[in-house]
Amino acid sequence: MEGDPIKGKGKANASSVGTLVERTSGYLMLVKMNAATATSAMEGFSAALNGMPLAMRKSMTYDQGREMARHAEITQQTGVAIYVCDPHSPWQRGSNENINGLIRQYLPKGTDLSVTARKN
C-alpha cells in the first residue's frame, strides 16, 4: 500500500484528500481529510485502513511529509507497518505518484477538495 495527500484550494491547504493505492491490484481509495495536517491524516488514514480487508493492509509506504508525523498512532490503531521513503525519491512510491498524476487531470490544482471525498 502507498499513501499520499493531494492538497487543494485554500490557505494552509484547508482542503485535502488522501490517496491510498494497493500496489498489486491497483485498488485506489480517496480519503477525506479536513486539512493537510498530521491529525487529519492520522484520523482519515486510520479509518480507511481499518475498513479494508486484512490481506490488503499489511504495510504502507509514505513520503517524508509532515502530515505523517503521527504515523506511530496510525500503526497502533490499524496494525499497519508504515515505511518512509528516502528524501527526494518519488520512485519509491511509483504507483501512488502515477495515480496522483491521473487524479490531477480531474481535480486540478486550485480545486476545492472539501466536497470531493466522503468521510468514512
PDB file of N, CA and C in Angstrom:
ATOM      1  N   MET A   1       0.847  -1.151   0.000  1.00  0.00           N
ATOM      2  CA  MET A   1       0.000   0.000   0.000  1.00  0.00           C
ATOM      3  C   MET A   1       0.905   1.231   0.000  1.00  0.00           C
ATOM      4  N   GLU A   2       0.504   2.233  -0.762  1.00  0.00           N
ATOM      5  CA  GLU A   2       1.226   3.506  -0.797  1.00  0.00           C
ATOM      6  C   GLU A   2       0.231   4.623  -0.525  1.00  0.00           C
ATOM      7  N   GLY A   3       0.666   5.673   0.169  1.00  0.00           N
ATOM      8  CA  GLY A   3      -0.229   6.769   0.509  1.00  0.00           C
ATOM      9  C   GLY A   3       0.403   8.123   0.295  1.00  0.00           C
ATOM     10  N   ASP A   4      -0.473   9.126   0.114  1.00  0.00           N
ATOM     11  CA  ASP A   4      -0.012  10.492  -0.112  1.00  0.00           C
ATOM     12  C   ASP A   4      -1.225  11.420  -0.042  1.00  0.00           C
ATOM     13  N   PRO A   5      -1.047  12.676   0.372  1.00  0.00           N
ATOM     14  CA  PRO A   5      -2.158  13.622   0.285  1.00  0.00           C
ATOM     15  C   PRO A   5      -2.121  14.391  -1.031  1.00  0.00           C
ATOM     16  N   ILE A   6      -3.285  14.808  -1.469  1.00  0.00           N
ATOM     17  CA  ILE A   6      -3.408  15.754  -2.577  1.00  0.00           C
ATOM     18  C   ILE A   6      -3.990  17.009  -1.949  1.00  0.00           C
ATOM     19  N   LYS A   7      -3.245  18.090  -2.024  1.00  0.00           N
ATOM     20  CA  LYS A   7      -3.677  19.327  -1.381  1.00  0.00           C
ATOM     21  C   LYS A   7      -4.520  20.147  -2.339  1.00  0.00           C
ATOM     22  N   GLY A   8      -5.540  20.784  -1.787  1.00  0.00           N
ATOM     23  CA  GLY A   8      -6.465  21.556  -2.609  1.00  0.00           C
ATOM     24  C   GLY A   8      -6.403  23.036  -2.344  1.00  0.00           C
ATOM     25  N   LYS A   9      -7.512  23.681  -2.644  1.00  0.00           N
ATOM     26  CA  LYS A   9      -7.639  25.131  -2.561  1.00  0.00           C
ATOM     27  C   LYS A   9      -7.717  25.590  -1.107  1.00  0.00           C
ATOM     28  N   GLY A  10      -7.268  26.781  -0.887  1.00  0.00           N
ATOM     29  CA  GLY A  10      -7.437  27.400   0.422  1.00  0.00           C
ATOM     30  C   GLY A  10      -6.115  27.650   1.116  1.00  0.00           C
ATOM     31  N   LYS A  11      -6.171  28.587   2.040  1.00  0.00           N
ATOM     32  CA  LYS A  11      -4.982  28.907   2.819  1.00  0.00           C
ATOM     33  C   LYS A  11      -4.636  27.734   3.720  1.00  0.00           C
ATOM     34  N   ALA A  12      -3.361  27.500   3.885  1.00  0.00           N
ATOM     35  CA  ALA A  12      -2.841  26.416   4.713  1.00  0.00           C
ATOM     36  C   ALA A  12      -3.410  25.070   4.280  1.00  0.00           C
ATOM     37  N   ASN A  13      -3.704  24.945   2.979  1.00  0.00           N
ATOM     38  CA  ASN A  13      -4.218  23.687   2.435  1.00  0.00           C
ATOM     39  C   ASN A  13      -5.428  23.178   3.212  1.00  0.00           C
ATOM     40  N   ALA A  14      -6.409  24.050   3.349  1.00  0.00           N
ATOM     41  CA  ALA A  14      -7.593  23.732   4.141  1.00  0.00           C
ATOM     42  C   ALA A  14      -8.368  22.549   3.586  1.00  0.00           C
ATOM     43  N   SER A  15      -8.253  22.278   2.308  1.00  0.00           N
ATOM     44  CA  SER A  15      -8.918  21.095   1.758  1.00  0.00           C
ATOM     45  C   SER A  15      -7.851  20.126   1.261  1.00  0.00           C
ATOM     46  N   SER A  16      -8.069  18.864   1.561  1.00  0.00           N
ATOM     47  CA  SER A  16      -7.088  17.855   1.207  1.00  0.00           C
ATOM     48  C   SER A  16      -7.770  16.505   1.090  1.00  0.00           C
ATOM     49  N   VAL A  17      -7.260  15.676   0.196  1.00  0.00           N
ATOM     50  CA  VAL A  17      -7.739  14.311   0.028  1.00  0.00           C
ATOM     51  C   VAL A  17      -6.519  13.404   0.071  1.00  0.00           C
ATOM     52  N   GLY A  18      -6.597  12.362   0.877  1.00  0.00           N
ATOM     53  CA  GLY A  18      -5.523  11.388   0.921  1.00  0.00           C
ATOM     54  C   GLY A  18      -5.782  10.302  -0.107  1.00  0.00           C
ATOM     55  N   THR A  19      -4.715   9.787  -0.686  1.00  0.00           N
ATOM     56  CA  THR A  19      -4.853   8.671  -1.624  1.00  0.00           C
ATOM     57  C   THR A  19      -4.141   7.460  -1.050  1.00  0.00           C
ATOM     58  N   LEU A  20      -4.805   6.311  -1.125  1.00  0.00           N
ATOM     59  CA  LEU A  20      -4.218   5.034  -0.748  1.00  0.00           C
ATOM     60  C   LEU A  20      -4.295   4.129  -1.966  1.00  0.00           C
ATOM     61  N   VAL A  21      -3.172   3.603  -2.399  1.00  0.00           N
ATOM     62  CA  VAL A  21      -3.125   2.729  -3.569  1.00  0.00           C
ATOM     63  C   VAL A  21      -2.534   1.389  -3.148  1.00  0.00           C
ATOM     64  N   GLU A  22      -3.280   0.316  -3.398  1.00  0.00           N
ATOM     65  CA  GLU A  22      -2.773  -1.025  -3.152  1.00  0.00           C
ATOM     66  C   GLU A  22      -1.969  -1.413  -4.377  1.00  0.00           C
ATOM     67  N   ARG A  23      -0.705  -1.728  -4.209  1.00  0.00           N
ATOM     68  CA  ARG A  23       0.220  -1.872  -5.341  1.00  0.00           C
ATOM     69  C   ARG A  23      -0.095  -3.055  -6.244  1.00  0.00           C
ATOM     70  N   THR A  24      -0.484  -4.177  -5.704  1.00  0.00           N
ATOM     71  CA  THR A  24      -0.692  -5.367  -6.526  1.00  0.00           C
ATOM     72  C   THR A  24      -1.916  -5.253  -7.418  1.00  0.00           C
ATOM     73  N   SER A  25      -3.039  -4.835  -6.825  1.00  0.00           N
ATOM     74  CA  SER A  25      -4.297  -4.777  -7.577  1.00  0.00           C
ATOM     75  C   SER A  25      -4.536  -3.420  -8.229  1.00  0.00           C
ATOM     76  N   GLY A  26      -3.883  -2.361  -7.728  1.00  0.00           N
ATOM     77  CA  GLY A  26      -4.130  -1.013  -8.229  1.00  0.00           C
ATOM     78  C   GLY A  26      -5.360  -0.379  -7.606  1.00  0.00           C
ATOM     79  N   TYR A  27      -5.927  -1.031  -6.581  1.00  0.00           N
ATOM     80  CA  TYR A  27      -7.105  -0.510  -5.892  1.00  0.00           C
ATOM     81  C   TYR A  27      -6.790   0.854  -5.296  1.00  0.00           C
ATOM     82  N   LEU A  28      -7.651   1.823  -5.566  1.00  0.00           N
ATOM     83  CA  LEU A  28      -7.461   3.193  -5.098  1.00  0.00           C
ATOM     84  C   LEU A  28      -8.583   3.579  -4.153  1.00  0.00           C
ATOM     85  N   MET A  29      -8.217   4.232  -3.060  1.00  0.00           N
ATOM     86  CA  MET A  29      -9.200   4.766  -2.131  1.00  0.00           C
ATOM     87  C   MET A  29      -8.869   6.235  -1.882  1.00  0.00           C
ATOM     88  N   LEU A  30      -9.859   7.114  -2.064  1.00  0.00           N
ATOM     89  CA  LEU A  30      -9.699   8.520  -1.710  1.00  0.00           C
ATOM     90  C   LEU A  30     -10.189   8.694  -0.280  1.00  0.00           C
ATOM     91  N   VAL A  31      -9.388   9.356   0.524  1.00  0.00           N
ATOM     92  CA  VAL A  31      -9.672   9.507   1.947  1.00  0.00           C
ATOM     93  C   VAL A  31      -9.921  10.969   2.263  1.00  0.00           C
ATOM     94  N   LYS A  32     -11.065  11.269   2.840  1.00  0.00           N
ATOM     95  CA  LYS A  32     -11.391  12.647   3.231  1.00  0.00           C
ATOM     96  C   LYS A  32     -10.493  13.083   4.373  1.00  0.00           C
ATOM     97  N   MET A  33      -9.881  14.247   4.198  1.00  0.00           N
ATOM     98  CA  MET A  33      -9.069  14.862   5.238  1.00  0.00           C
ATOM     99  C   MET A  33      -9.536  16.309   5.369  1.00  0.00           C
ATOM    100  N   ASN A  34      -9.740  16.767   6.586  1.00  0.00           N
ATOM    101  CA  ASN A  34     -10.217  18.135   6.798  1.00  0.00           C
ATOM    102  C   ASN A  34      -9.160  19.172   6.451  1.00  0.00           C
ATOM    103  N   ALA A  35      -7.901  18.795   6.540  1.00  0.00           N
ATOM    104  CA  ALA A  35      -6.783  19.683   6.211  1.00  0.00           C
ATOM    105  C   ALA A  35      -5.564  18.806   5.993  1.00  0.00           C
ATOM    106  N   ALA A  36      -4.498  19.377   5.496  1.00  0.00           N
ATOM    107  CA  ALA A  36      -3.262  18.614   5.294  1.00  0.00           C
ATOM    108  C   ALA A  36      -2.426  18.681   6.567  1.00  0.00           C
ATOM    109  N   THR A  37      -2.989  18.152   7.648  1.00  0.00           N
ATOM    110  CA  THR A  37      -2.304  18.157   8.942  1.00  0.00           C
ATOM    111  C   THR A  37      -2.067  16.721   9.397  1.00  0.00           C
ATOM    112  N   ALA A  38      -1.194  16.574  10.384  1.00  0.00           N
ATOM    113  CA  ALA A  38      -0.896  15.249  10.924  1.00  0.00           C
ATOM    114  C   ALA A  38      -2.133  14.633  11.570  1.00  0.00           C
ATOM    115  N   THR A  39      -2.936  15.435  12.239  1.00  0.00           N
ATOM    116  CA  THR A  39      -4.144  14.918  12.885  1.00  0.00           C
ATOM    117  C   THR A  39      -5.158  14.436  11.855  1.00  0.00           C
ATOM    118  N   SER A  40      -5.385  15.227  10.813  1.00  0.00           N
ATOM    119  CA  SER A  40      -6.326  14.826   9.761  1.00  0.00           C
ATOM    120  C   SER A  40      -5.850  13.572   9.040  1.00  0.00           C
ATOM    121  N   ALA A  41      -4.556  13.484   8.772  1.00  0.00           N
ATOM    122  CA  ALA A  41      -4.008  12.300   8.109  1.00  0.00           C
ATOM    123  C   ALA A  41      -4.163  11.074   8.995  1.00  0.00           C
ATOM    124  N   MET A  42      -3.869  11.208  10.272  1.00  0.00           N
ATOM    125  CA  MET A  42      -3.985  10.095  11.204  1.00  0.00           C
ATOM    126  C   MET A  42      -5.431   9.607  11.282  1.00  0.00           C
ATOM    127  N   GLU A  43      -6.375  10.527  11.416  1.00  0.00           N
ATOM    128  CA  GLU A  43      -7.782  10.149  11.512  1.00  0.00           C
ATOM    129  C   GLU A  43      -8.294   9.532  10.211  1.00  0.00           C
ATOM    130  N   GLY A  44      -8.013  10.184   9.090  1.00  0.00           N
ATOM    131  CA  GLY A  44      -8.513   9.719   7.803  1.00  0.00           C
ATOM    132  C   GLY A  44      -7.913   8.391   7.366  1.00  0.00           C
ATOM    133  N   PHE A  45      -6.580   8.282   7.433  1.00  0.00           N
ATOM    134  CA  PHE A  45      -5.927   7.049   7.014  1.00  0.00           C
ATOM    135  C   PHE A  45      -6.253   5.887   7.949  1.00  0.00           C
ATOM    136  N   SER A  46      -6.360   6.150   9.252  1.00  0.00           N
ATOM    137  CA  SER A  46      -6.712   5.078  10.196  1.00  0.00           C
ATOM    138  C   SER A  46      -8.094   4.526   9.889  1.00  0.00           C
ATOM    139  N   ALA A  47      -9.053   5.404   9.678  1.00  0.00           N
ATOM    140  CA  ALA A  47     -10.421   4.950   9.377  1.00  0.00           C
ATOM    141  C   ALA A  47     -10.459   4.171   8.062  1.00  0.00           C
ATOM    142  N   ALA A  48      -9.766   4.667   7.048  1.00  0.00           N
ATOM    143  CA  ALA A  48      -9.763   3.990   5.743  1.00  0.00           C
ATOM    144  C   ALA A  48      -9.083   2.627   5.830  1.00  0.00           C
ATOM    145  N   LEU A  49      -7.939   2.568   6.487  1.00  0.00           N
ATOM    146  CA  LEU A  49      -7.213   1.305   6.590  1.00  0.00           C
ATOM    147  C   LEU A  49      -7.994   0.274   7.394  1.00  0.00           C
ATOM    148  N   ASN A  50      -8.661   0.707   8.458  1.00  0.00           N
ATOM    149  CA  ASN A  50      -9.453  -0.224   9.264  1.00  0.00           C
ATOM    150  C   ASN A  50     -10.662  -0.760   8.507  1.00  0.00           C
ATOM    151  N   GLY A  51     -11.090  -0.065   7.461  1.00  0.00           N
ATOM    152  CA  GLY A  51     -12.212  -0.517   6.657  1.00  0.00           C
ATOM    153  C   GLY A  51     -11.819  -1.472   5.534  1.00  0.00           C
ATOM    154  N   MET A  52     -10.533  -1.731   5.384  1.00  0.00           N
ATOM    155  CA  MET A  52     -10.040  -2.612   4.312  1.00  0.00           C
ATOM    156  C   MET A  52      -9.830  -4.024   4.851  1.00  0.00           C
ATOM    157  N   PRO A  53      -9.880  -5.025   3.960  1.00  0.00           N
ATOM    158  CA  PRO A  53      -9.565  -6.392   4.390  1.00  0.00           C
ATOM    159  C   PRO A  53      -8.124  -6.485   4.897  1.00  0.00           C
ATOM    160  N   LEU A  54      -7.891  -7.348   5.869  1.00  0.00           N
ATOM    161  CA  LEU A  54      -6.559  -7.501   6.464  1.00  0.00           C
ATOM    162  C   LEU A  54      -5.492  -7.839   5.426  1.00  0.00           C
ATOM    163  N   ALA A  55      -5.833  -8.623   4.436  1.00  0.00           N
ATOM    164  CA  ALA A  55      -4.861  -9.035   3.426  1.00  0.00           C
ATOM    165  C   ALA A  55      -4.326  -7.851   2.619  1.00  0.00           C
ATOM    166  N   MET A  56      -5.088  -6.769   2.536  1.00  0.00           N
ATOM    167  CA  MET A  56      -4.676  -5.607   1.747  1.00  0.00           C
ATOM    168  C   MET A  56      -3.898  -4.584   2.561  1.00  0.00           C
ATOM    169  N   ARG A  57      -3.874  -4.710   3.861  1.00  0.00           N
ATOM    170  CA  ARG A  57      -3.275  -3.657   4.678  1.00  0.00           C
ATOM    171  C   ARG A  57      -2.131  -4.151   5.558  1.00  0.00           C
ATOM    172  N   LYS A  58      -1.158  -4.726   4.925  1.00  0.00           N
ATOM    173  CA  LYS A  58      -0.001  -5.219   5.672  1.00  0.00           C
ATOM    174  C   LYS A  58       1.011  -4.120   5.957  1.00  0.00           C
ATOM    175  N   SER A  59       1.271  -3.261   4.975  1.00  0.00           N
ATOM    176  CA  SER A  59       2.216  -2.165   5.169  1.00  0.00           C
ATOM    177  C   SER A  59       1.830  -0.993   4.271  1.00  0.00           C
ATOM    178  N   MET A  60       2.380   0.168   4.594  1.00  0.00           N
ATOM    179  CA  MET A  60       2.112   1.376   3.818  1.00  0.00           C
ATOM    180  C   MET A  60       3.420   2.141   3.662  1.00  0.00           C
ATOM    181  N   THR A  61       3.670   2.617   2.451  1.00  0.00           N
ATOM    182  CA  THR A  61       4.859   3.425   2.170  1.00  0.00           C
ATOM    183  C   THR A  61       4.410   4.859   1.959  1.00  0.00           C
ATOM    184  N   TYR A  62       5.123   5.791   2.570  1.00  0.00           N
ATOM    185  CA  TYR A  62       4.740   7.197   2.542  1.00  0.00           C
ATOM    186  C   TYR A  62       5.981   8.040   2.317  1.00  0.00           C
ATOM    187  N   ASP A  63       5.773   9.293   1.901  1.00  0.00           N
ATOM    188  CA  ASP A  63       6.926  10.190   1.763  1.00  0.00           C
ATOM    189  C   ASP A  63       7.220  10.843   3.117  1.00  0.00           C
ATOM    190  N   GLN A  64       8.125  11.775   3.141  1.00  0.00           N
ATOM    191  CA  GLN A  64       8.529  12.382   4.404  1.00  0.00           C
ATOM    192  C   GLN A  64       7.761  13.660   4.727  1.00  0.00           C
ATOM    193  N   GLY A  65       6.531  13.753   4.270  1.00  0.00           N
ATOM    194  CA  GLY A  65       5.717  14.936   4.556  1.00  0.00           C
ATOM    195  C   GLY A  65       5.378  15.057   6.033  1.00  0.00           C
ATOM    196  N   ARG A  66       5.239  16.285   6.498  1.00  0.00           N
ATOM    197  CA  ARG A  66       4.974  16.477   7.925  1.00  0.00           C
ATOM    198  C   ARG A  66       3.574  16.041   8.336  1.00  0.00           C
ATOM    199  N   GLU A  67       2.685  15.814   7.349  1.00  0.00           N
ATOM    200  CA  GLU A  67       1.347  15.329   7.698  1.00  0.00           C
ATOM    201  C   GLU A  67       1.380  13.891   8.210  1.00  0.00           C
ATOM    202  N   MET A  68       2.517  13.203   8.070  1.00  0.00           N
ATOM    203  CA  MET A  68       2.624  11.841   8.595  1.00  0.00           C
ATOM    204  C   MET A  68       3.403  11.787   9.906  1.00  0.00           C
ATOM    205  N   ALA A  69       3.479  12.910  10.610  1.00  0.00           N
ATOM    206  CA  ALA A  69       4.210  12.966  11.876  1.00  0.00           C
ATOM    207  C   ALA A  69       3.609  12.016  12.915  1.00  0.00           C
ATOM    208  N   ARG A  70       2.345  11.667  12.753  1.00  0.00           N
ATOM    209  CA  ARG A  70       1.679  10.792  13.727  1.00  0.00           C
ATOM    210  C   ARG A  70       1.553   9.363  13.185  1.00  0.00           C
ATOM    211  N   HIS A  71       2.530   8.940  12.402  1.00  0.00           N
ATOM    212  CA  HIS A  71       2.476   7.609  11.791  1.00  0.00           C
ATOM    213  C   HIS A  71       2.467   6.487  12.826  1.00  0.00           C
ATOM    214  N   ALA A  72       3.109   6.685  13.973  1.00  0.00           N
ATOM    215  CA  ALA A  72       3.111   5.645  15.007  1.00  0.00           C
ATOM    216  C   ALA A  72       1.692   5.395  15.527  1.00  0.00           C
ATOM    217  N   GLU A  73       0.880   6.445  15.596  1.00  0.00           N
ATOM    218  CA  GLU A  73      -0.508   6.284  16.043  1.00  0.00           C
ATOM    219  C   GLU A  73      -1.342   5.533  15.008  1.00  0.00           C
ATOM    220  N   ILE A  74      -1.055   5.764  13.731  1.00  0.00           N
ATOM    221  CA  ILE A  74      -1.757   5.019  12.681  1.00  0.00           C
ATOM    222  C   ILE A  74      -1.429   3.535  12.820  1.00  0.00           C
ATOM    223  N   THR A  75      -0.162   3.229  13.054  1.00  0.00           N
ATOM    224  CA  THR A  75       0.248   1.833  13.237  1.00  0.00           C
ATOM    225  C   THR A  75      -0.442   1.225  14.451  1.00  0.00           C
ATOM    226  N   GLN A  76      -0.527   1.955  15.548  1.00  0.00           N
ATOM    227  CA  GLN A  76      -1.201   1.457  16.761  1.00  0.00           C
ATOM    228  C   GLN A  76      -2.676   1.176  16.493  1.00  0.00           C
ATOM    229  N   GLN A  77      -3.342   2.064  15.769  1.00  0.00           N
ATOM    230  CA  GLN A  77      -4.781   1.933  15.546  1.00  0.00           C
ATOM    231  C   GLN A  77      -5.139   0.900  14.487  1.00  0.00           C
ATOM    232  N   THR A  78      -4.215   0.626  13.558  1.00  0.00           N
ATOM    233  CA  THR A  78      -4.550  -0.238  12.421  1.00  0.00           C
ATOM    234  C   THR A  78      -3.722  -1.509  12.328  1.00  0.00           C
ATOM    235  N   GLY A  79      -2.551  -1.538  12.950  1.00  0.00           N
ATOM    236  CA  GLY A  79      -1.655  -2.673  12.823  1.00  0.00           C
ATOM    237  C   GLY A  79      -0.851  -2.649  11.529  1.00  0.00           C
ATOM    238  N   VAL A  80      -0.938  -1.559  10.778  1.00  0.00           N
ATOM    239  CA  VAL A  80      -0.227  -1.429   9.506  1.00  0.00           C
ATOM    240  C   VAL A  80       1.162  -0.835   9.759  1.00  0.00           C
ATOM    241  N   ALA A  81       2.199  -1.540   9.315  1.00  0.00           N
ATOM    242  CA  ALA A  81       3.560  -1.023   9.425  1.00  0.00           C
ATOM    243  C   ALA A  81       3.732   0.082   8.389  1.00  0.00           C
ATOM    244  N   ILE A  82       4.277   1.221   8.808  1.00  0.00           N
ATOM    245  CA  ILE A  82       4.459   2.355   7.897  1.00  0.00           C
ATOM    246  C   ILE A  82       5.945   2.556   7.645  1.00  0.00           C
ATOM    247  N   TYR A  83       6.289   2.596   6.360  1.00  0.00           N
ATOM    248  CA  TYR A  83       7.664   2.824   5.928  1.00  0.00           C
ATOM    249  C   TYR A  83       7.737   4.193   5.279  1.00  0.00           C
ATOM    250  N   VAL A  84       8.837   4.895   5.505  1.00  0.00           N
ATOM    251  CA  VAL A  84       9.022   6.242   4.967  1.00  0.00           C
ATOM    252  C   VAL A  84      10.091   6.183   3.882  1.00  0.00           C
ATOM    253  N   CYS A  85       9.791   6.805   2.750  1.00  0.00           N
ATOM    254  CA  CYS A  85      10.732   6.843   1.632  1.00  0.00           C
ATOM    255  C   CYS A  85      11.930   7.716   1.956  1.00  0.00           C
ATOM    256  N   ASP A  86      12.972   7.520   1.195  1.00  0.00           N
ATOM    257  CA  ASP A  86      14.133   8.393   1.295  1.00  0.00           C
ATOM    258  C   ASP A  86      13.763   9.768   0.744  1.00  0.00           C
ATOM    259  N   PRO A  87      14.430  10.834   1.226  1.00  0.00           N
ATOM    260  CA  PRO A  87      14.147  12.178   0.714  1.00  0.00           C
ATOM    261  C   PRO A  87      14.372  12.264  -0.795  1.00  0.00           C
ATOM    262  N   HIS A  88      13.501  12.975  -1.468  1.00  0.00           N
ATOM    263  CA  HIS A  88      13.603  13.235  -2.911  1.00  0.00           C
ATOM    264  C   HIS A  88      13.677  11.939  -3.728  1.00  0.00           C
ATOM    265  N   SER A  89      12.881  10.938  -3.343  1.00  0.00           N
ATOM    266  CA  SER A  89      12.878   9.638  -4.023  1.00  0.00           C
ATOM    267  C   SER A  89      11.453   9.203  -4.364  1.00  0.00           C
ATOM    268  N   PRO A  90      10.763   9.939  -5.234  1.00  0.00           N
ATOM    269  CA  PRO A  90       9.367   9.603  -5.525  1.00  0.00           C
ATOM    270  C   PRO A  90       9.199   8.234  -6.191  1.00  0.00           C
ATOM    271  N   TRP A  91      10.233   7.693  -6.814  1.00  0.00           N
ATOM    272  CA  TRP A  91      10.122   6.387  -7.460  1.00  0.00           C
ATOM    273  C   TRP A  91       9.910   5.269  -6.442  1.00  0.00           C
ATOM    274  N   GLN A  92      10.165   5.539  -5.162  1.00  0.00           N
ATOM    275  CA  GLN A  92       9.932   4.525  -4.146  1.00  0.00           C
ATOM    276  C   GLN A  92       8.437   4.359  -3.852  1.00  0.00           C
ATOM    277  N   ARG A  93       7.630   5.263  -4.378  1.00  0.00           N
ATOM    278  CA  ARG A  93       6.163   5.163  -4.295  1.00  0.00           C
ATOM    279  C   ARG A  93       5.594   5.407  -5.689  1.00  0.00           C
ATOM    280  N   GLY A  94       6.098   4.696  -6.656  1.00  0.00           N
ATOM    281  CA  GLY A  94       5.752   4.936  -8.054  1.00  0.00           C
ATOM    282  C   GLY A  94       4.279   4.787  -8.373  1.00  0.00           C
ATOM    283  N   SER A  95       3.623   3.781  -7.802  1.00  0.00           N
ATOM    284  CA  SER A  95       2.192   3.576  -8.065  1.00  0.00           C
ATOM    285  C   SER A  95       1.386   4.789  -7.618  1.00  0.00           C
ATOM    286  N   ASN A  96       1.699   5.286  -6.429  1.00  0.00           N
ATOM    287  CA  ASN A  96       0.958   6.415  -5.889  1.00  0.00           C
ATOM    288  C   ASN A  96       1.223   7.700  -6.660  1.00  0.00           C
ATOM    289  N   GLU A  97       2.464   7.924  -7.050  1.00  0.00           N
ATOM    290  CA  GLU A  97       2.786   9.123  -7.832  1.00  0.00           C
ATOM    291  C   GLU A  97       2.050   9.108  -9.175  1.00  0.00           C
ATOM    292  N   ASN A  98       1.984   7.948  -9.812  1.00  0.00           N
ATOM    293  CA  ASN A  98       1.285   7.820 -11.081  1.00  0.00           C
ATOM    294  C   ASN A  98      -0.213   8.084 -10.903  1.00  0.00           C
ATOM    295  N   ILE A  99      -0.815   7.480  -9.898  1.00  0.00           N
ATOM    296  CA  ILE A  99      -2.251   7.677  -9.639  1.00  0.00           C
ATOM    297  C   ILE A  99      -2.547   9.134  -9.331  1.00  0.00           C
ATOM    298  N   ASN A 100      -1.708   9.780  -8.523  1.00  0.00           N
ATOM    299  CA  ASN A 100      -1.946  11.188  -8.192  1.00  0.00           C
ATOM    300  C   ASN A 100      -1.900  12.062  -9.441  1.00  0.00           C
ATOM    301  N   GLY A 101      -1.006  11.737 -10.371  1.00  0.00           N
ATOM    302  CA  GLY A 101      -0.956  12.468 -11.640  1.00  0.00           C
ATOM    303  C   GLY A 101      -2.233  12.297 -12.438  1.00  0.00           C
ATOM    304  N   LEU A 102      -2.783  11.086 -12.441  1.00  0.00           N
ATOM    305  CA  LEU A 102      -4.048  10.836 -13.143  1.00  0.00           C
ATOM    306  C   LEU A 102      -5.203  11.556 -12.463  1.00  0.00           C
ATOM    307  N   ILE A 103      -5.220  11.557 -11.139  1.00  0.00           N
ATOM    308  CA  ILE A 103      -6.289  12.245 -10.394  1.00  0.00           C
ATOM    309  C   ILE A 103      -6.251  13.742 -10.677  1.00  0.00           C
ATOM    310  N   ARG A 104      -5.059  14.307 -10.800  1.00  0.00           N
ATOM    311  CA  ARG A 104      -4.928  15.746 -11.054  1.00  0.00           C
ATOM    312  C   ARG A 104      -5.520  16.145 -12.411  1.00  0.00           C
ATOM    313  N   GLN A 105      -5.734  15.205 -13.324  1.00  0.00           N
ATOM    314  CA  GLN A 105      -6.413  15.524 -14.577  1.00  0.00           C
ATOM    315  C   GLN A 105      -7.874  15.884 -14.312  1.00  0.00           C
ATOM    316  N   TYR A 106      -8.458  15.296 -13.280  1.00  0.00           N
ATOM    317  CA  TYR A 106      -9.865  15.532 -12.948  1.00  0.00           C
ATOM    318  C   TYR A 106     -10.042  16.515 -11.791  1.00  0.00           C
ATOM    319  N   LEU A 107      -9.021  16.624 -10.947  1.00  0.00           N
ATOM    320  CA  LEU A 107      -9.043  17.551  -9.814  1.00  0.00           C
ATOM    321  C   LEU A 107      -7.794  18.429  -9.886  1.00  0.00           C
ATOM    322  N   PRO A 108      -7.767  19.398 -10.823  1.00  0.00           N
ATOM    323  CA  PRO A 108      -6.557  20.213 -10.990  1.00  0.00           C
ATOM    324  C   PRO A 108      -6.245  21.053  -9.754  1.00  0.00           C
ATOM    325  N   LYS A 109      -5.003  21.504  -9.665  1.00  0.00           N
ATOM    326  CA  LYS A 109      -4.601  22.361  -8.543  1.00  0.00           C
ATOM    327  C   LYS A 109      -5.541  23.550  -8.469  1.00  0.00           C
ATOM    328  N   GLY A 110      -5.889  23.933  -7.255  1.00  0.00           N
ATOM    329  CA  GLY A 110      -6.825  25.029  -7.060  1.00  0.00           C
ATOM    330  C   GLY A 110      -8.260  24.560  -6.889  1.00  0.00           C
ATOM    331  N   THR A 111      -8.520  23.254  -7.031  1.00  0.00           N
ATOM    332  CA  THR A 111      -9.851  22.704  -6.846  1.00  0.00           C
ATOM    333  C   THR A 111     -10.143  22.593  -5.352  1.00  0.00           C
ATOM    334  N   ASP A 112     -11.378  22.925  -4.964  1.00  0.00           N
ATOM    335  CA  ASP A 112     -11.789  22.759  -3.572  1.00  0.00           C
ATOM    336  C   ASP A 112     -12.072  21.277  -3.348  1.00  0.00           C
ATOM    337  N   LEU A 113     -11.199  20.628  -2.603  1.00  0.00           N
ATOM    338  CA  LEU A 113     -11.335  19.190  -2.377  1.00  0.00           C
ATOM    339  C   LEU A 113     -12.195  18.844  -1.167  1.00  0.00           C
ATOM    340  N   SER A 114     -12.703  19.850  -0.474  1.00  0.00           N
ATOM    341  CA  SER A 114     -13.504  19.586   0.724  1.00  0.00           C
ATOM    342  C   SER A 114     -14.819  18.900   0.407  1.00  0.00           C
ATOM    343  N   VAL A 115     -15.251  18.932  -0.847  1.00  0.00           N
ATOM    344  CA  VAL A 115     -16.520  18.295  -1.225  1.00  0.00           C
ATOM    345  C   VAL A 115     -16.291  17.053  -2.085  1.00  0.00           C
ATOM    346  N   THR A 116     -15.040  16.635  -2.250  1.00  0.00           N
ATOM    347  CA  THR A 116     -14.726  15.556  -3.181  1.00  0.00           C
ATOM    348  C   THR A 116     -14.911  14.173  -2.586  1.00  0.00           C
ATOM    349  N   ALA A 117     -14.209  13.845  -1.535  1.00  0.00           N
ATOM    350  CA  ALA A 117     -14.278  12.514  -0.939  1.00  0.00           C
ATOM    351  C   ALA A 117     -15.273  12.527   0.211  1.00  0.00           C
ATOM    352  N   ARG A 118     -15.910  11.400   0.398  1.00  0.00           N
ATOM    353  CA  ARG A 118     -16.838  11.357   1.536  1.00  0.00           C
ATOM    354  C   ARG A 118     -16.119  10.811   2.739  1.00  0.00           C
ATOM    355  N   LYS A 119     -16.559  11.224   3.890  1.00  0.00           N
ATOM    356  CA  LYS A 119     -15.914  10.820   5.132  1.00  0.00           C
ATOM    357  C   LYS A 119     -16.306   9.386   5.454  1.00  0.00           C
ATOM    358  N   ASN A 120     -15.314   8.587   5.906  1.00  0.00           N
ATOM    359  CA  ASN A 120     -15.591   7.189   6.278  1.00  0.00           C
ATOM    360  C   ASN A 120     -16.257   7.121   7.623  1.00  0.00           C
TER     361      ASN A 120
END
